[in-house]
PDB file of all heavy atoms in Angstrom:
ATOM      1  N   LEU A   1      -3.694  -3.728   3.587  1.00  0.00           N
ATOM      2  CA  LEU A   1      -2.665  -3.467   2.656  1.00  0.00           C
ATOM      3  C   LEU A   1      -2.250  -4.608   1.806  1.00  0.00           C
ATOM      4  O   LEU A   1      -1.954  -4.488   0.611  1.00  0.00           O
ATOM      5  CB  LEU A   1      -1.418  -3.008   3.463  1.00  0.00           C
ATOM      6  CG  LEU A   1      -1.303  -1.585   3.823  1.00  0.00           C
ATOM      7  CD1 LEU A   1      -0.050  -1.340   4.790  1.00  0.00           C
ATOM      8  CD2 LEU A   1      -1.115  -0.645   2.588  1.00  0.00           C
ATOM      9  N   GLN A   2      -2.265  -5.775   2.360  1.00  0.00           N
ATOM     10  CA  GLN A   2      -1.774  -6.990   1.671  1.00  0.00           C
ATOM     11  C   GLN A   2      -2.823  -7.689   0.792  1.00  0.00           C
ATOM     12  O   GLN A   2      -2.537  -8.293  -0.199  1.00  0.00           O
ATOM     13  CB  GLN A   2      -1.191  -8.027   2.710  1.00  0.00           C
ATOM     14  CG  GLN A   2       0.024  -7.410   3.395  1.00  0.00           C
ATOM     15  CD  GLN A   2       0.624  -8.351   4.375  1.00  0.00           C
ATOM     16  OE1 GLN A   2       0.682  -9.580   4.118  1.00  0.00           O
ATOM     17  NE2 GLN A   2       1.107  -7.870   5.485  1.00  0.00           N
ATOM     18  N   PHE A   3      -4.105  -7.541   1.188  1.00  0.00           N
ATOM     19  CA  PHE A   3      -5.136  -8.230   0.413  1.00  0.00           C
ATOM     20  C   PHE A   3      -5.152  -7.969  -1.141  1.00  0.00           C
ATOM     21  O   PHE A   3      -5.182  -8.867  -1.873  1.00  0.00           O
ATOM     22  CB  PHE A   3      -6.495  -7.919   1.010  1.00  0.00           C
ATOM     23  CG  PHE A   3      -7.665  -8.401   0.185  1.00  0.00           C
ATOM     24  CD1 PHE A   3      -7.889  -9.813   0.109  1.00  0.00           C
ATOM     25  CD2 PHE A   3      -8.490  -7.649  -0.496  1.00  0.00           C
ATOM     26  CE1 PHE A   3      -8.906 -10.395  -0.672  1.00  0.00           C
ATOM     27  CE2 PHE A   3      -9.540  -8.139  -1.303  1.00  0.00           C
ATOM     28  CZ  PHE A   3      -9.737  -9.505  -1.380  1.00  0.00           C
ATOM     29  N   PRO A   4      -5.061  -6.651  -1.502  1.00  0.00           N
ATOM     30  CA  PRO A   4      -5.132  -6.435  -2.985  1.00  0.00           C
ATOM     31  C   PRO A   4      -3.961  -7.049  -3.702  1.00  0.00           C
ATOM     32  O   PRO A   4      -4.078  -7.374  -4.928  1.00  0.00           O
ATOM     33  CB  PRO A   4      -5.037  -4.894  -3.099  1.00  0.00           C
ATOM     34  CG  PRO A   4      -5.258  -4.399  -1.753  1.00  0.00           C
ATOM     35  CD  PRO A   4      -4.938  -5.463  -0.762  1.00  0.00           C
ATOM     36  N   LEU A   5      -2.829  -7.289  -3.030  1.00  0.00           N
ATOM     37  CA  LEU A   5      -1.670  -7.900  -3.703  1.00  0.00           C
ATOM     38  C   LEU A   5      -1.846  -9.365  -4.056  1.00  0.00           C
ATOM     39  O   LEU A   5      -1.078  -9.952  -4.753  1.00  0.00           O
ATOM     40  CB  LEU A   5      -0.437  -7.645  -2.850  1.00  0.00           C
ATOM     41  CG  LEU A   5      -0.049  -6.227  -2.661  1.00  0.00           C
ATOM     42  CD1 LEU A   5       1.050  -6.065  -1.588  1.00  0.00           C
ATOM     43  CD2 LEU A   5       0.353  -5.572  -3.970  1.00  0.00           C
ATOM     44  N   GLY A   6      -2.966  -9.952  -3.608  1.00  0.00           N
ATOM     45  CA  GLY A   6      -3.283 -11.333  -3.941  1.00  0.00           C
ATOM     46  C   GLY A   6      -3.817 -11.413  -5.432  1.00  0.00           C
ATOM     47  O   GLY A   6      -3.768 -12.481  -6.015  1.00  0.00           O
ATOM     48  N   HIS A   7      -4.270 -10.295  -5.955  1.00  0.00           N
ATOM     49  CA  HIS A   7      -4.817 -10.317  -7.316  1.00  0.00           C
ATOM     50  C   HIS A   7      -3.640 -10.130  -8.285  1.00  0.00           C
ATOM     51  O   HIS A   7      -2.786  -9.243  -8.137  1.00  0.00           O
ATOM     52  CB  HIS A   7      -5.834  -9.235  -7.463  1.00  0.00           C
ATOM     53  CG  HIS A   7      -6.632  -9.397  -8.733  1.00  0.00           C
ATOM     54  ND1 HIS A   7      -6.114  -9.106  -9.991  1.00  0.00           N
ATOM     55  CD2 HIS A   7      -7.920  -9.778  -8.943  1.00  0.00           C
ATOM     56  CE1 HIS A   7      -7.043  -9.366 -10.933  1.00  0.00           C
ATOM     57  NE2 HIS A   7      -8.143  -9.787 -10.275  1.00  0.00           N
ATOM     58  N   PRO A   8      -3.571 -10.964  -9.313  1.00  0.00           N
ATOM     59  CA  PRO A   8      -2.461 -10.875 -10.254  1.00  0.00           C
ATOM     60  C   PRO A   8      -2.323  -9.538 -11.002  1.00  0.00           C
ATOM     61  O   PRO A   8      -1.232  -9.183 -11.444  1.00  0.00           O
ATOM     62  CB  PRO A   8      -2.678 -12.060 -11.239  1.00  0.00           C
ATOM     63  CG  PRO A   8      -4.141 -12.400 -11.105  1.00  0.00           C
ATOM     64  CD  PRO A   8      -4.563 -12.002  -9.691  1.00  0.00           C
ATOM     65  N   ALA A   9      -3.409  -8.775 -11.094  1.00  0.00           N
ATOM     66  CA  ALA A   9      -3.353  -7.468 -11.786  1.00  0.00           C
ATOM     67  C   ALA A   9      -2.783  -6.368 -10.888  1.00  0.00           C
ATOM     68  O   ALA A   9      -2.481  -5.296 -11.383  1.00  0.00           O
ATOM     69  CB  ALA A   9      -4.686  -7.081 -12.290  1.00  0.00           C
ATOM     70  N   VAL A  10      -2.695  -6.638  -9.661  1.00  0.00           N
ATOM     71  CA  VAL A  10      -2.250  -5.557  -8.701  1.00  0.00           C
ATOM     72  C   VAL A  10      -0.778  -5.780  -8.329  1.00  0.00           C
ATOM     73  O   VAL A  10      -0.435  -6.822  -7.775  1.00  0.00           O
ATOM     74  CB  VAL A  10      -3.140  -5.573  -7.394  1.00  0.00           C
ATOM     75  CG1 VAL A  10      -2.638  -4.527  -6.438  1.00  0.00           C
ATOM     76  CG2 VAL A  10      -4.599  -5.338  -7.695  1.00  0.00           C
ATOM     77  N   VAL A  11       0.026  -4.755  -8.580  1.00  0.00           N
ATOM     78  CA  VAL A  11       1.378  -4.845  -8.218  1.00  0.00           C
ATOM     79  C   VAL A  11       1.851  -3.737  -7.272  1.00  0.00           C
ATOM     80  O   VAL A  11       2.941  -3.746  -6.711  1.00  0.00           O
ATOM     81  CB  VAL A  11       2.320  -4.735  -9.478  1.00  0.00           C
ATOM     82  CG1 VAL A  11       2.099  -5.981 -10.411  1.00  0.00           C
ATOM     83  CG2 VAL A  11       2.129  -3.552 -10.240  1.00  0.00           C
ATOM     84  N   THR A  12       0.914  -2.822  -7.028  1.00  0.00           N
ATOM     85  CA  THR A  12       1.213  -1.658  -6.115  1.00  0.00           C
ATOM     86  C   THR A  12       0.032  -1.337  -5.336  1.00  0.00           C
ATOM     87  O   THR A  12      -1.105  -1.366  -5.823  1.00  0.00           O
ATOM     88  CB  THR A  12       1.622  -0.476  -6.969  1.00  0.00           C
ATOM     89  OG1 THR A  12       2.770  -0.776  -7.742  1.00  0.00           O
ATOM     90  CG2 THR A  12       1.945   0.715  -6.029  1.00  0.00           C
ATOM     91  N   VAL A  13       0.195  -1.045  -4.044  1.00  0.00           N
ATOM     92  CA  VAL A  13      -0.872  -0.565  -3.181  1.00  0.00           C
ATOM     93  C   VAL A  13      -0.475   0.872  -2.756  1.00  0.00           C
ATOM     94  O   VAL A  13       0.672   1.114  -2.322  1.00  0.00           O
ATOM     95  CB  VAL A  13      -1.033  -1.385  -1.921  1.00  0.00           C
ATOM     96  CG1 VAL A  13      -2.105  -0.824  -0.997  1.00  0.00           C
ATOM     97  CG2 VAL A  13      -1.540  -2.830  -2.306  1.00  0.00           C
ATOM     98  N   VAL A  14      -1.403   1.797  -2.968  1.00  0.00           N
ATOM     99  CA  VAL A  14      -1.091   3.219  -2.675  1.00  0.00           C
ATOM    100  C   VAL A  14      -1.857   3.650  -1.404  1.00  0.00           C
ATOM    101  O   VAL A  14      -3.031   3.410  -1.210  1.00  0.00           O
ATOM    102  CB  VAL A  14      -1.628   4.117  -3.830  1.00  0.00           C
ATOM    103  CG1 VAL A  14      -1.415   5.562  -3.492  1.00  0.00           C
ATOM    104  CG2 VAL A  14      -1.048   3.720  -5.163  1.00  0.00           C
ATOM    105  N   VAL A  15      -1.045   4.161  -0.465  1.00  0.00           N
ATOM    106  CA  VAL A  15      -1.608   4.734   0.798  1.00  0.00           C
ATOM    107  C   VAL A  15      -1.060   6.126   0.953  1.00  0.00           C
ATOM    108  O   VAL A  15       0.034   6.426   0.513  1.00  0.00           O
ATOM    109  CB  VAL A  15      -1.266   3.848   2.047  1.00  0.00           C
ATOM    110  CG1 VAL A  15      -1.914   2.470   1.929  1.00  0.00           C
ATOM    111  CG2 VAL A  15       0.222   3.707   2.214  1.00  0.00           C
ATOM    112  N   GLY A  16      -1.798   6.969   1.647  1.00  0.00           N
ATOM    113  CA  GLY A  16      -1.383   8.269   1.904  1.00  0.00           C
ATOM    114  C   GLY A  16      -0.638   8.360   3.252  1.00  0.00           C
ATOM    115  O   GLY A  16      -0.729   7.434   4.058  1.00  0.00           O
ATOM    116  N   ALA A  17       0.088   9.364   3.512  1.00  0.00           N
ATOM    117  CA  ALA A  17       0.818   9.620   4.734  1.00  0.00           C
ATOM    118  C   ALA A  17       0.808  11.068   5.010  1.00  0.00           C
ATOM    119  O   ALA A  17       1.046  11.896   4.123  1.00  0.00           O
ATOM    120  CB  ALA A  17       2.225   9.065   4.653  1.00  0.00           C
ATOM    121  N   ARG A  18       0.538  11.465   6.279  1.00  0.00           N
ATOM    122  CA  ARG A  18       0.634  12.827   6.629  1.00  0.00           C
ATOM    123  C   ARG A  18       1.921  13.151   7.399  1.00  0.00           C
ATOM    124  O   ARG A  18       2.243  14.357   7.515  1.00  0.00           O
ATOM    125  CB  ARG A  18      -0.576  13.195   7.584  1.00  0.00           C
ATOM    126  CG  ARG A  18      -1.928  13.182   6.864  1.00  0.00           C
ATOM    127  CD  ARG A  18      -2.999  13.330   7.861  1.00  0.00           C
ATOM    128  NE  ARG A  18      -3.293  12.028   8.342  1.00  0.00           N
ATOM    129  CZ  ARG A  18      -4.411  11.607   8.955  1.00  0.00           C
ATOM    130  NH1 ARG A  18      -5.289  12.546   9.233  1.00  0.00           N
ATOM    131  NH2 ARG A  18      -4.595  10.423   9.278  1.00  0.00           N
ATOM    132  N   ALA A  19       2.661  12.161   7.742  1.00  0.00           N
ATOM    133  CA  ALA A  19       3.836  12.373   8.504  1.00  0.00           C
ATOM    134  C   ALA A  19       4.837  11.232   8.174  1.00  0.00           C
ATOM    135  O   ALA A  19       4.404  10.103   7.818  1.00  0.00           O
ATOM    136  CB  ALA A  19       3.583  12.403   9.981  1.00  0.00           C
ATOM    137  N   PRO A  20       6.118  11.515   8.296  1.00  0.00           N
ATOM    138  CA  PRO A  20       7.154  10.436   7.926  1.00  0.00           C
ATOM    139  C   PRO A  20       6.907   9.137   8.677  1.00  0.00           C
ATOM    140  O   PRO A  20       7.150   8.065   8.089  1.00  0.00           O
ATOM    141  CB  PRO A  20       8.461  11.101   8.272  1.00  0.00           C
ATOM    142  CG  PRO A  20       8.175  12.578   8.095  1.00  0.00           C
ATOM    143  CD  PRO A  20       6.775  12.766   8.580  1.00  0.00           C
ATOM    144  N   HIS A  21       6.550   9.202   9.965  1.00  0.00           N
ATOM    145  CA  HIS A  21       6.363   7.981  10.636  1.00  0.00           C
ATOM    146  C   HIS A  21       5.259   7.070  10.135  1.00  0.00           C
ATOM    147  O   HIS A  21       5.361   5.829  10.277  1.00  0.00           O
ATOM    148  CB  HIS A  21       6.103   8.241  12.203  1.00  0.00           C
ATOM    149  CG  HIS A  21       4.770   8.683  12.483  1.00  0.00           C
ATOM    150  ND1 HIS A  21       4.366  10.022  12.382  1.00  0.00           N
ATOM    151  CD2 HIS A  21       3.649   8.017  12.837  1.00  0.00           C
ATOM    152  CE1 HIS A  21       3.067  10.123  12.724  1.00  0.00           C
ATOM    153  NE2 HIS A  21       2.624   8.952  13.009  1.00  0.00           N
ATOM    154  N   GLU A  22       4.269   7.652   9.415  1.00  0.00           N
ATOM    155  CA  GLU A  22       3.229   6.889   8.804  1.00  0.00           C
ATOM    156  C   GLU A  22       3.779   6.023   7.651  1.00  0.00           C
ATOM    157  O   GLU A  22       3.281   4.942   7.411  1.00  0.00           O
ATOM    158  CB  GLU A  22       2.118   7.738   8.409  1.00  0.00           C
ATOM    159  CG  GLU A  22       1.327   8.297   9.564  1.00  0.00           C
ATOM    160  CD  GLU A  22       0.194   9.199   9.144  1.00  0.00           C
ATOM    161  OE1 GLU A  22       0.088   9.626   7.992  1.00  0.00           O
ATOM    162  OE2 GLU A  22      -0.613   9.543   9.967  1.00  0.00           O
ATOM    163  N   ILE A  23       4.758   6.472   6.974  1.00  0.00           N
ATOM    164  CA  ILE A  23       5.435   5.727   5.935  1.00  0.00           C
ATOM    165  C   ILE A  23       6.100   4.432   6.465  1.00  0.00           C
ATOM    166  O   ILE A  23       5.949   3.335   5.978  1.00  0.00           O
ATOM    167  CB  ILE A  23       6.435   6.566   5.143  1.00  0.00           C
ATOM    168  CG1 ILE A  23       5.731   7.706   4.448  1.00  0.00           C
ATOM    169  CG2 ILE A  23       7.277   5.730   4.127  1.00  0.00           C
ATOM    170  CD1 ILE A  23       6.583   8.766   3.854  1.00  0.00           C
ATOM    171  N   ALA A  24       6.818   4.664   7.618  1.00  0.00           N
ATOM    172  CA  ALA A  24       7.433   3.565   8.265  1.00  0.00           C
ATOM    173  C   ALA A  24       6.369   2.550   8.827  1.00  0.00           C
ATOM    174  O   ALA A  24       6.551   1.304   8.701  1.00  0.00           O
ATOM    175  CB  ALA A  24       8.259   4.041   9.422  1.00  0.00           C
TER     176      ALA A  24
END
């Protein structure tokens, strides 16, 4: 999750979630 945020062009990482606990 954190690796792409090292690149200056990346400001958001998108992940999916099937249930609310996955967001947490």
